[in-house]
Protein backbone atom coordinates (compact mmCIF):
# COMPACT_ATOMS: atom_id res chain seq x y z
CA MET A 1 -30.19 1.19 -28.68
CA SER A 2 -26.88 -0.33 -28.17
CA HIS A 3 -24.68 -0.63 -25.05
CA ASP A 4 -20.92 -0.08 -26.29
CA ALA A 5 -18.85 -1.12 -23.28
CA ILE A 6 -15.98 1.14 -22.14
CA GLY A 7 -13.35 0.04 -20.02
CA ARG A 8 -9.65 -0.80 -19.27
CA PRO A 9 -7.75 -3.80 -19.13
CA MET A 10 -8.23 -5.83 -16.03
CA GLU A 11 -5.06 -4.74 -13.59
CA ILE A 12 -4.29 -9.18 -12.16
CA LEU A 13 -1.63 -9.37 -9.36
CA LEU A 14 0.17 -12.69 -9.49
CA ILE A 15 2.09 -13.45 -6.40
CA GLU A 16 4.19 -16.38 -7.15
CA ASP A 17 7.73 -16.80 -6.45
CA SER A 18 8.02 -19.70 -8.40
CA LEU A 19 8.95 -19.28 -11.94
CA MET A 20 7.68 -22.03 -13.26
CA ALA A 21 3.62 -21.62 -11.66
CA ALA A 22 4.49 -17.68 -12.73
CA ARG A 23 4.67 -18.51 -16.57
CA LEU A 24 1.78 -21.45 -17.09
CA ALA A 25 -0.35 -18.53 -14.90
CA THR A 26 0.62 -15.96 -17.14
CA GLY A 27 -0.05 -18.21 -20.17
CA ALA A 28 -3.08 -19.03 -19.47
CA LEU A 29 -4.21 -15.47 -18.73
CA SER A 30 -2.92 -15.20 -22.68
CA LYS A 31 -5.17 -17.96 -23.89
CA SER A 32 -8.33 -16.71 -21.67
CA GLY A 33 -8.81 -13.80 -24.24
CA LEU A 34 -9.27 -11.54 -21.11
CA ASP A 35 -8.03 -7.96 -21.71
CA HIS A 36 -5.85 -7.88 -19.04
CA ARG A 37 -2.75 -6.19 -17.23
CA LEU A 38 -0.45 -8.21 -15.22
CA THR A 39 1.90 -7.68 -12.39
CA TRP A 40 4.29 -10.17 -11.31
CA LEU A 41 5.48 -10.12 -7.85
CA SER A 42 7.86 -13.09 -5.96
CA ASP A 43 7.34 -12.01 -2.53
CA GLY A 44 4.97 -11.44 0.06
CA GLN A 45 6.94 -7.67 0.94
CA GLU A 46 7.31 -6.79 -2.19
CA ALA A 47 2.94 -7.62 -2.75
CA ARG A 48 2.01 -5.83 0.63
CA SER A 49 4.22 -2.35 -0.42
CA PHE A 50 2.54 -2.98 -4.41
CA LEU A 51 -0.92 -3.53 -2.64
CA LEU A 52 0.04 -0.53 0.04
CA GLN A 53 1.07 1.76 -2.93
CA SER A 54 4.26 2.34 -0.55
CA GLY A 55 7.98 2.51 -1.49
CA LYS A 56 8.50 2.38 -5.21
CA TYR A 57 4.80 1.12 -5.47
CA THR A 58 3.63 4.69 -5.15
CA ARG A 59 1.83 5.03 -8.23
CA ALA A 60 1.33 0.99 -8.53
CA PRO A 61 -2.45 0.02 -9.90
CA ARG A 62 -5.25 -1.31 -7.79
CA PRO A 63 -5.63 -4.82 -8.67
CA ASP A 64 -8.62 -5.81 -10.22
CA LEU A 65 -7.59 -9.48 -9.14
CA ILE A 66 -5.02 -11.32 -7.04
CA LEU A 67 -3.88 -14.71 -8.18
CA LEU A 68 -2.04 -15.70 -4.35
CA ASP A 69 0.53 -18.21 -3.39
CA LEU A 70 0.55 -19.17 -0.06
CA HIS A 71 4.17 -20.22 0.26
CA LEU A 72 6.08 -17.58 0.03
CA PRO A 73 8.90 -15.78 1.00
CA GLU A 74 9.87 -12.61 3.75
CA VAL A 75 5.45 -12.65 3.92
CA ASP A 76 3.16 -15.93 3.72
CA GLY A 77 0.41 -15.57 1.71
CA THR A 78 -1.85 -16.53 4.67
CA THR A 79 -0.60 -13.24 6.34
CA LEU A 80 -0.82 -11.57 3.35
CA LEU A 81 -3.92 -12.64 2.58
CA ARG A 82 -5.54 -11.67 6.16
CA GLU A 83 -4.16 -7.92 5.74
CA ILE A 84 -5.99 -7.64 2.42
CA ARG A 85 -9.11 -8.40 4.12
CA GLU A 86 -8.51 -6.33 7.15
CA LYS A 87 -8.25 -3.21 4.86
CA PRO A 88 -11.18 -1.26 3.49
CA ALA A 89 -9.68 -0.42 0.26
CA LEU A 90 -8.76 -3.80 -0.66
CA LYS A 91 -11.04 -6.12 1.17
CA MET A 92 -13.30 -6.39 -1.82
CA ILE A 93 -10.70 -7.49 -4.34
CA PRO A 94 -11.50 -11.02 -5.55
CA ILE A 95 -8.55 -13.29 -4.54
CA VAL A 96 -8.22 -16.70 -6.28
CA ILE A 97 -5.08 -18.81 -4.03
CA MET A 98 -2.92 -21.09 -5.72
CA THR A 99 -1.05 -23.61 -3.75
CA GLY A 100 1.05 -26.65 -4.06
CA THR A 101 0.29 -27.92 -0.40
CA ALA A 102 -2.44 -27.22 1.43
CA GLY A 103 -3.41 -29.37 4.31
CA GLU A 104 -7.69 -29.55 5.48
CA LYS A 105 -6.97 -27.43 8.20
CA GLU A 106 -5.13 -24.47 6.01
CA ILE A 107 -8.33 -24.71 3.20
CA THR A 108 -10.75 -24.05 6.00
CA GLU A 109 -8.93 -21.02 7.46
CA ILE A 110 -8.30 -19.88 3.77
CA GLU A 111 -11.96 -20.21 2.83
CA SER A 112 -13.14 -18.24 5.73
CA LEU A 113 -10.85 -15.63 4.54
CA ASP A 114 -13.52 -14.97 1.50
CA VAL A 115 -11.76 -16.13 -1.69
CA GLN A 116 -13.23 -16.53 -5.00
CA GLY A 117 -11.56 -19.73 -5.78
CA PHE A 118 -9.02 -22.19 -4.45
CA LEU A 119 -6.07 -24.29 -6.71
CA VAL A 120 -3.71 -26.77 -5.92
CA LYS A 121 -0.59 -27.22 -7.86
CA PRO A 122 0.58 -27.92 -10.22
CA VAL A 123 -2.62 -25.92 -11.79
CA ASP A 124 -4.78 -27.50 -14.29
CA LEU A 125 -4.82 -25.24 -17.45
CA THR A 126 -8.53 -26.35 -17.89
CA GLN A 127 -9.36 -25.76 -14.45
CA PHE A 128 -7.33 -22.42 -14.48
CA LEU A 129 -9.02 -21.36 -17.35
CA LYS A 130 -12.94 -22.30 -16.27
CA LEU A 131 -11.79 -20.08 -13.11
CA VAL A 132 -11.18 -17.17 -15.24
CA GLU A 133 -13.84 -17.44 -17.30
CA THR A 134 -16.36 -17.05 -14.43
CA LEU A 135 -14.07 -14.18 -12.78
CA LYS A 136 -14.63 -12.61 -16.22
CA GLY A 137 -18.12 -11.74 -14.96
CA TYR A 138 -16.83 -10.05 -11.39
CA TRP A 139 -15.09 -7.68 -14.04
CA LYS A 140 -18.14 -7.13 -16.51
CA THR A 141 -20.26 -6.07 -13.49
CA ASP A 142 -17.52 -3.21 -12.63
CA MET A 143 -17.43 -2.21 -16.47
CA ILE A 144 -18.68 1.35 -17.42
CA VAL A 145 -21.33 1.15 -19.79
CA LYS A 146 -22.22 3.72 -22.64
CA GLY A 147 -25.99 3.55 -23.43
């Protein structure tokens, strides 16, 4: 009996205020071979509205993965991460933190909020692709399989 995977592209939400970091992430995802759709937002307030499907984002797709910068305008990434983990509809979404600066205390706090990865910018392309490969495993378990 063969199994055919029936699914949709992975919905990825990139929350990053740096154009260069966003280009690196989108380029790496393109090279990964992961079938995905990407939404890029550059500030925390917009990301909050997107995730809560409010305002102009009432029809926004629920992300399957969030790539989150910690230092964002409007609402910082740590605050946004806490809010995501407090919402039952959002708390199970895998989150990878991408940041240029993070002290030991900040890293410890972030890790306590159940993140699936932590990348320090400038992000090493090989490290990023390895993490994407690992995250593909999360996605495969969510796909519908027809026997």
